[in-house]
Amino acid sequence: MLILTLASSCNNKGEQLPEFSLISLNGTEISSSSLKGKVVVINLWATWCGPCIQEIPKLNELAELFQENEEVVFIAITEESSDIVEKFLAKRNFKYHMITDAKDLAGKLHPNLIHTIPRNMVIDKNGVIKYSETGDQEALVKILSDIILNLI
């Protein structure tokens, strides 16, 4: 039986976003270098994770708040295959850029990922992780939007 913990066992605030270059589900290349100068909101998640699914409407609300702002990018990262994620997204809308098959990147961002998802992160324009917390929080939209507004 897998138990998802809501307490963070790895805090990477203040660390630099790892170097990466991956192709999103829609075919767009997303790299750490292309994100410089932008505030990046990352959600580490999985299709089988109940709390991850539960927070998607909140994450969509957050993405809608900043949809007109080109300085803010929303990325969802999962270790799962594109086939699994595409089937999931056929039934549910998730307004983040979707990166699948990202086990290496997910592991760099959060080594204990499998035990502590969902995880939301906010990276500043210089690529420094300013926020990194696990768990579906009731006030998630307010918490993340306040952080984003302070960084743009």
C-alpha atoms as a PDB file:
ATOM      1  CA  MET A   1       0.000   0.000   0.000  1.00  0.00           C
ATOM      2  CA  LEU A   2       1.388   3.420  -0.970  1.00  0.00           C
ATOM      3  CA  ILE A   3       0.815   6.273   1.424  1.00  0.00           C
ATOM      4  CA  LEU A   4       1.373   9.809   0.189  1.00  0.00           C
ATOM      5  CA  THR A   5       2.810  12.026   2.865  1.00  0.00           C
ATOM      6  CA  LEU A   6       1.730  15.631   3.086  1.00  0.00           C
ATOM      7  CA  ALA A   7       4.829  16.754   4.944  1.00  0.00           C
ATOM      8  CA  SER A   8       7.845  17.674   2.901  1.00  0.00           C
ATOM      9  CA  SER A   9      10.851  15.419   3.348  1.00  0.00           C
ATOM     10  CA  CYS A  10      13.070  17.420   1.004  1.00  0.00           C
ATOM     11  CA  ASN A  11      13.147  21.193   0.894  1.00  0.00           C
ATOM     12  CA  ASN A  12      14.967  22.596  -2.114  1.00  0.00           C
ATOM     13  CA  LYS A  13      14.068  26.268  -1.666  1.00  0.00           C
ATOM     14  CA  GLY A  14      16.969  28.493  -2.636  1.00  0.00           C
ATOM     15  CA  GLU A  15      18.432  25.939  -5.050  1.00  0.00           C
ATOM     16  CA  GLN A  16      18.865  26.557  -8.764  1.00  0.00           C
ATOM     17  CA  LEU A  17      16.450  24.895 -11.191  1.00  0.00           C
ATOM     18  CA  PRO A  18      18.396  21.969 -12.730  1.00  0.00           C
ATOM     19  CA  GLU A  19      19.450  22.210 -16.358  1.00  0.00           C
ATOM     20  CA  PHE A  20      17.055  20.348 -18.667  1.00  0.00           C
ATOM     21  CA  SER A  21      15.606  20.297 -22.157  1.00  0.00           C
ATOM     22  CA  LEU A  22      12.454  18.250 -22.773  1.00  0.00           C
ATOM     23  CA  ILE A  23       9.602  18.148 -25.252  1.00  0.00           C
ATOM     24  CA  SER A  24       6.116  18.840 -23.901  1.00  0.00           C
ATOM     25  CA  LEU A  25       3.113  16.723 -24.770  1.00  0.00           C
ATOM     26  CA  ASN A  26       2.095  19.226 -27.461  1.00  0.00           C
ATOM     27  CA  GLY A  27       5.553  19.102 -29.089  1.00  0.00           C
ATOM     28  CA  THR A  28       7.024  22.332 -27.666  1.00  0.00           C
ATOM     29  CA  GLU A  29      10.617  22.254 -26.424  1.00  0.00           C
ATOM     30  CA  ILE A  30      10.855  23.449 -22.836  1.00  0.00           C
ATOM     31  CA  SER A  31      14.309  23.998 -21.371  1.00  0.00           C
ATOM     32  CA  SER A  32      15.744  25.593 -18.281  1.00  0.00           C
ATOM     33  CA  SER A  33      17.496  28.159 -20.479  1.00  0.00           C
ATOM     34  CA  SER A  34      14.244  29.100 -22.294  1.00  0.00           C
ATOM     35  CA  LEU A  35      12.613  29.747 -18.909  1.00  0.00           C
ATOM     36  CA  LYS A  36      15.182  32.327 -17.754  1.00  0.00           C
ATOM     37  CA  GLY A  37      13.515  35.684 -17.231  1.00  0.00           C
ATOM     38  CA  LYS A  38      10.150  34.064 -16.465  1.00  0.00           C
ATOM     39  CA  VAL A  39       8.413  33.033 -13.267  1.00  0.00           C
ATOM     40  CA  VAL A  40       7.865  29.285 -13.540  1.00  0.00           C
ATOM     41  CA  VAL A  41       5.193  27.371 -11.647  1.00  0.00           C
ATOM     42  CA  ILE A  42       5.828  23.617 -11.605  1.00  0.00           C
ATOM     43  CA  ASN A  43       3.456  20.891 -10.481  1.00  0.00           C
ATOM     44  CA  LEU A  44       4.881  17.402  -9.933  1.00  0.00           C
ATOM     45  CA  TRP A  45       2.010  14.942 -10.217  1.00  0.00           C
ATOM     46  CA  ALA A  46       0.723  11.553 -11.387  1.00  0.00           C
ATOM     47  CA  THR A  47      -2.541  10.363 -12.908  1.00  0.00           C
ATOM     48  CA  TRP A  48      -2.962   7.732 -10.161  1.00  0.00           C
ATOM     49  CA  CYS A  49      -2.513  10.251  -7.319  1.00  0.00           C
ATOM     50  CA  GLY A  50      -5.854  11.242  -5.740  1.00  0.00           C
ATOM     51  CA  PRO A  51      -4.597  14.500  -4.147  1.00  0.00           C
ATOM     52  CA  CYS A  52      -2.952  15.423  -7.483  1.00  0.00           C
ATOM     53  CA  ILE A  53      -6.248  15.026  -9.322  1.00  0.00           C
ATOM     54  CA  GLN A  54      -8.112  16.873  -6.574  1.00  0.00           C
ATOM     55  CA  GLU A  55      -5.936  19.980  -6.937  1.00  0.00           C
ATOM     56  CA  ILE A  56      -6.148  20.247 -10.760  1.00  0.00           C
ATOM     57  CA  PRO A  57      -9.182  22.606 -10.677  1.00  0.00           C
ATOM     58  CA  LYS A  58      -7.246  24.932  -8.333  1.00  0.00           C
ATOM     59  CA  LEU A  59      -4.195  24.787 -10.603  1.00  0.00           C
ATOM     60  CA  ASN A  60      -6.367  25.549 -13.626  1.00  0.00           C
ATOM     61  CA  GLU A  61      -7.832  28.531 -11.765  1.00  0.00           C
ATOM     62  CA  LEU A  62      -4.304  29.765 -11.044  1.00  0.00           C
ATOM     63  CA  ALA A  63      -3.248  29.366 -14.684  1.00  0.00           C
ATOM     64  CA  GLU A  64      -6.337  31.308 -15.787  1.00  0.00           C
ATOM     65  CA  LEU A  65      -5.447  34.195 -13.448  1.00  0.00           C
ATOM     66  CA  PHE A  66      -2.119  34.638 -15.241  1.00  0.00           C
ATOM     67  CA  GLN A  67      -3.025  33.464 -18.752  1.00  0.00           C
ATOM     68  CA  GLU A  68      -2.426  36.909 -20.249  1.00  0.00           C
ATOM     69  CA  ASN A  69       0.960  37.347 -18.559  1.00  0.00           C
ATOM     70  CA  GLU A  70       3.823  36.092 -20.740  1.00  0.00           C
ATOM     71  CA  GLU A  71       6.225  36.371 -17.787  1.00  0.00           C
ATOM     72  CA  VAL A  72       4.577  33.378 -16.059  1.00  0.00           C
ATOM     73  CA  VAL A  73       4.815  29.770 -17.287  1.00  0.00           C
ATOM     74  CA  PHE A  74       2.933  26.786 -15.853  1.00  0.00           C
ATOM     75  CA  ILE A  75       4.449  23.312 -16.264  1.00  0.00           C
ATOM     76  CA  ALA A  76       3.187  19.936 -15.037  1.00  0.00           C
ATOM     77  CA  ILE A  77       5.819  17.210 -14.806  1.00  0.00           C
ATOM     78  CA  THR A  78       5.161  13.494 -14.467  1.00  0.00           C
ATOM     79  CA  GLU A  79       7.212  10.324 -14.726  1.00  0.00           C
ATOM     80  CA  GLU A  80       4.328   8.644 -16.533  1.00  0.00           C
ATOM     81  CA  SER A  81       4.247   7.941 -20.260  1.00  0.00           C
ATOM     82  CA  SER A  82       2.620  10.250 -22.773  1.00  0.00           C
ATOM     83  CA  ASP A  83       0.055   7.521 -23.611  1.00  0.00           C
ATOM     84  CA  ILE A  84      -1.157   7.328 -20.006  1.00  0.00           C
ATOM     85  CA  VAL A  85      -1.276  11.108 -19.631  1.00  0.00           C
ATOM     86  CA  GLU A  86      -3.062  11.637 -22.953  1.00  0.00           C
ATOM     87  CA  LYS A  87      -5.789   9.180 -21.900  1.00  0.00           C
ATOM     88  CA  PHE A  88      -6.125  11.008 -18.586  1.00  0.00           C
ATOM     89  CA  LEU A  89      -6.290  14.433 -20.294  1.00  0.00           C
ATOM     90  CA  ALA A  90      -8.989  13.208 -22.683  1.00  0.00           C
ATOM     91  CA  LYS A  91     -11.294  13.160 -19.641  1.00  0.00           C
ATOM     92  CA  ARG A  92      -9.874  16.061 -17.610  1.00  0.00           C
ATOM     93  CA  ASN A  93      -8.588  19.491 -18.535  1.00  0.00           C
ATOM     94  CA  PHE A  94      -5.193  20.518 -17.103  1.00  0.00           C
ATOM     95  CA  LYS A  95      -4.095  23.966 -18.317  1.00  0.00           C
ATOM     96  CA  TYR A  96      -0.357  23.523 -17.695  1.00  0.00           C
ATOM     97  CA  HIS A  97       2.300  22.652 -20.283  1.00  0.00           C
ATOM     98  CA  MET A  98       2.610  18.900 -19.826  1.00  0.00           C
ATOM     99  CA  ILE A  99       5.976  17.155 -19.646  1.00  0.00           C
ATOM    100  CA  THR A 100       5.769  13.360 -19.513  1.00  0.00           C
ATOM    101  CA  ASP A 101       8.376  10.599 -19.200  1.00  0.00           C
ATOM    102  CA  ALA A 102      10.398  12.968 -17.013  1.00  0.00           C
ATOM    103  CA  LYS A 103      11.763  10.623 -14.361  1.00  0.00           C
ATOM    104  CA  ASP A 104      15.256  12.170 -14.388  1.00  0.00           C
ATOM    105  CA  LEU A 105      14.014  15.753 -14.084  1.00  0.00           C
ATOM    106  CA  ALA A 106      11.413  14.853 -11.460  1.00  0.00           C
ATOM    107  CA  GLY A 107      14.113  13.084  -9.454  1.00  0.00           C
ATOM    108  CA  LYS A 108      16.376  16.142  -9.618  1.00  0.00           C
ATOM    109  CA  LEU A 109      13.569  18.449  -8.523  1.00  0.00           C
ATOM    110  CA  HIS A 110      12.439  16.208  -5.709  1.00  0.00           C
ATOM    111  CA  PRO A 111      14.293  12.970  -4.892  1.00  0.00           C
ATOM    112  CA  ASN A 112      11.429  11.577  -2.765  1.00  0.00           C
ATOM    113  CA  LEU A 113       8.804  12.369  -5.394  1.00  0.00           C
ATOM    114  CA  ILE A 114       6.912   9.095  -5.267  1.00  0.00           C
ATOM    115  CA  HIS A 115       6.117   9.596  -1.596  1.00  0.00           C
ATOM    116  CA  THR A 116       5.322  13.295  -1.601  1.00  0.00           C
ATOM    117  CA  ILE A 117       3.123  14.335  -4.484  1.00  0.00           C
ATOM    118  CA  PRO A 118       1.541  16.560  -5.452  1.00  0.00           C
ATOM    119  CA  ARG A 119       4.370  19.064  -5.136  1.00  0.00           C
ATOM    120  CA  ASN A 120       4.082  22.680  -6.276  1.00  0.00           C
ATOM    121  CA  MET A 121       7.104  24.839  -6.923  1.00  0.00           C
ATOM    122  CA  VAL A 122       7.646  28.445  -7.951  1.00  0.00           C
ATOM    123  CA  ILE A 123      10.920  29.444  -9.604  1.00  0.00           C
ATOM    124  CA  ASP A 124      11.958  33.080  -9.940  1.00  0.00           C
ATOM    125  CA  LYS A 125      13.212  34.795 -13.101  1.00  0.00           C
ATOM    126  CA  ASN A 126      16.805  33.839 -12.246  1.00  0.00           C
ATOM    127  CA  GLY A 127      15.972  30.136 -11.985  1.00  0.00           C
ATOM    128  CA  VAL A 128      16.006  29.970  -8.175  1.00  0.00           C
ATOM    129  CA  ILE A 129      13.395  27.830  -6.425  1.00  0.00           C
ATOM    130  CA  LYS A 130      11.467  30.194  -4.140  1.00  0.00           C
ATOM    131  CA  TYR A 131       8.623  27.885  -3.085  1.00  0.00           C
ATOM    132  CA  SER A 132       8.442  24.102  -2.869  1.00  0.00           C
ATOM    133  CA  GLU A 133       5.667  22.444  -0.882  1.00  0.00           C
ATOM    134  CA  THR A 134       3.854  19.124  -0.958  1.00  0.00           C
ATOM    135  CA  GLY A 135       0.180  18.468  -0.590  1.00  0.00           C
ATOM    136  CA  ASP A 136      -3.120  19.774  -1.852  1.00  0.00           C
ATOM    137  CA  GLN A 137      -3.553  22.907   0.232  1.00  0.00           C
ATOM    138  CA  GLU A 138      -6.941  24.548   0.715  1.00  0.00           C
ATOM    139  CA  ALA A 139      -5.603  28.047  -0.017  1.00  0.00           C
ATOM    140  CA  LEU A 140      -3.348  26.898  -2.876  1.00  0.00           C
ATOM    141  CA  VAL A 141      -4.490  29.516  -5.413  1.00  0.00           C
ATOM    142  CA  LYS A 142      -3.967  32.406  -2.969  1.00  0.00           C
ATOM    143  CA  ILE A 143      -0.602  31.091  -1.751  1.00  0.00           C
ATOM    144  CA  LEU A 144       0.800  30.593  -5.242  1.00  0.00           C
ATOM    145  CA  SER A 145      -0.709  33.753  -6.766  1.00  0.00           C
ATOM    146  CA  ASP A 146       0.748  35.886  -3.947  1.00  0.00           C
ATOM    147  CA  ILE A 147       4.197  34.395  -4.567  1.00  0.00           C
ATOM    148  CA  ILE A 148       3.904  34.872  -8.329  1.00  0.00           C
ATOM    149  CA  LEU A 149       2.798  38.500  -7.930  1.00  0.00           C
ATOM    150  CA  ASN A 150       5.822  39.198  -5.733  1.00  0.00           C
ATOM    151  CA  LEU A 151       8.167  37.775  -8.382  1.00  0.00           C
ATOM    152  CA  ILE A 152       6.838  39.351 -11.606  1.00  0.00           C
END
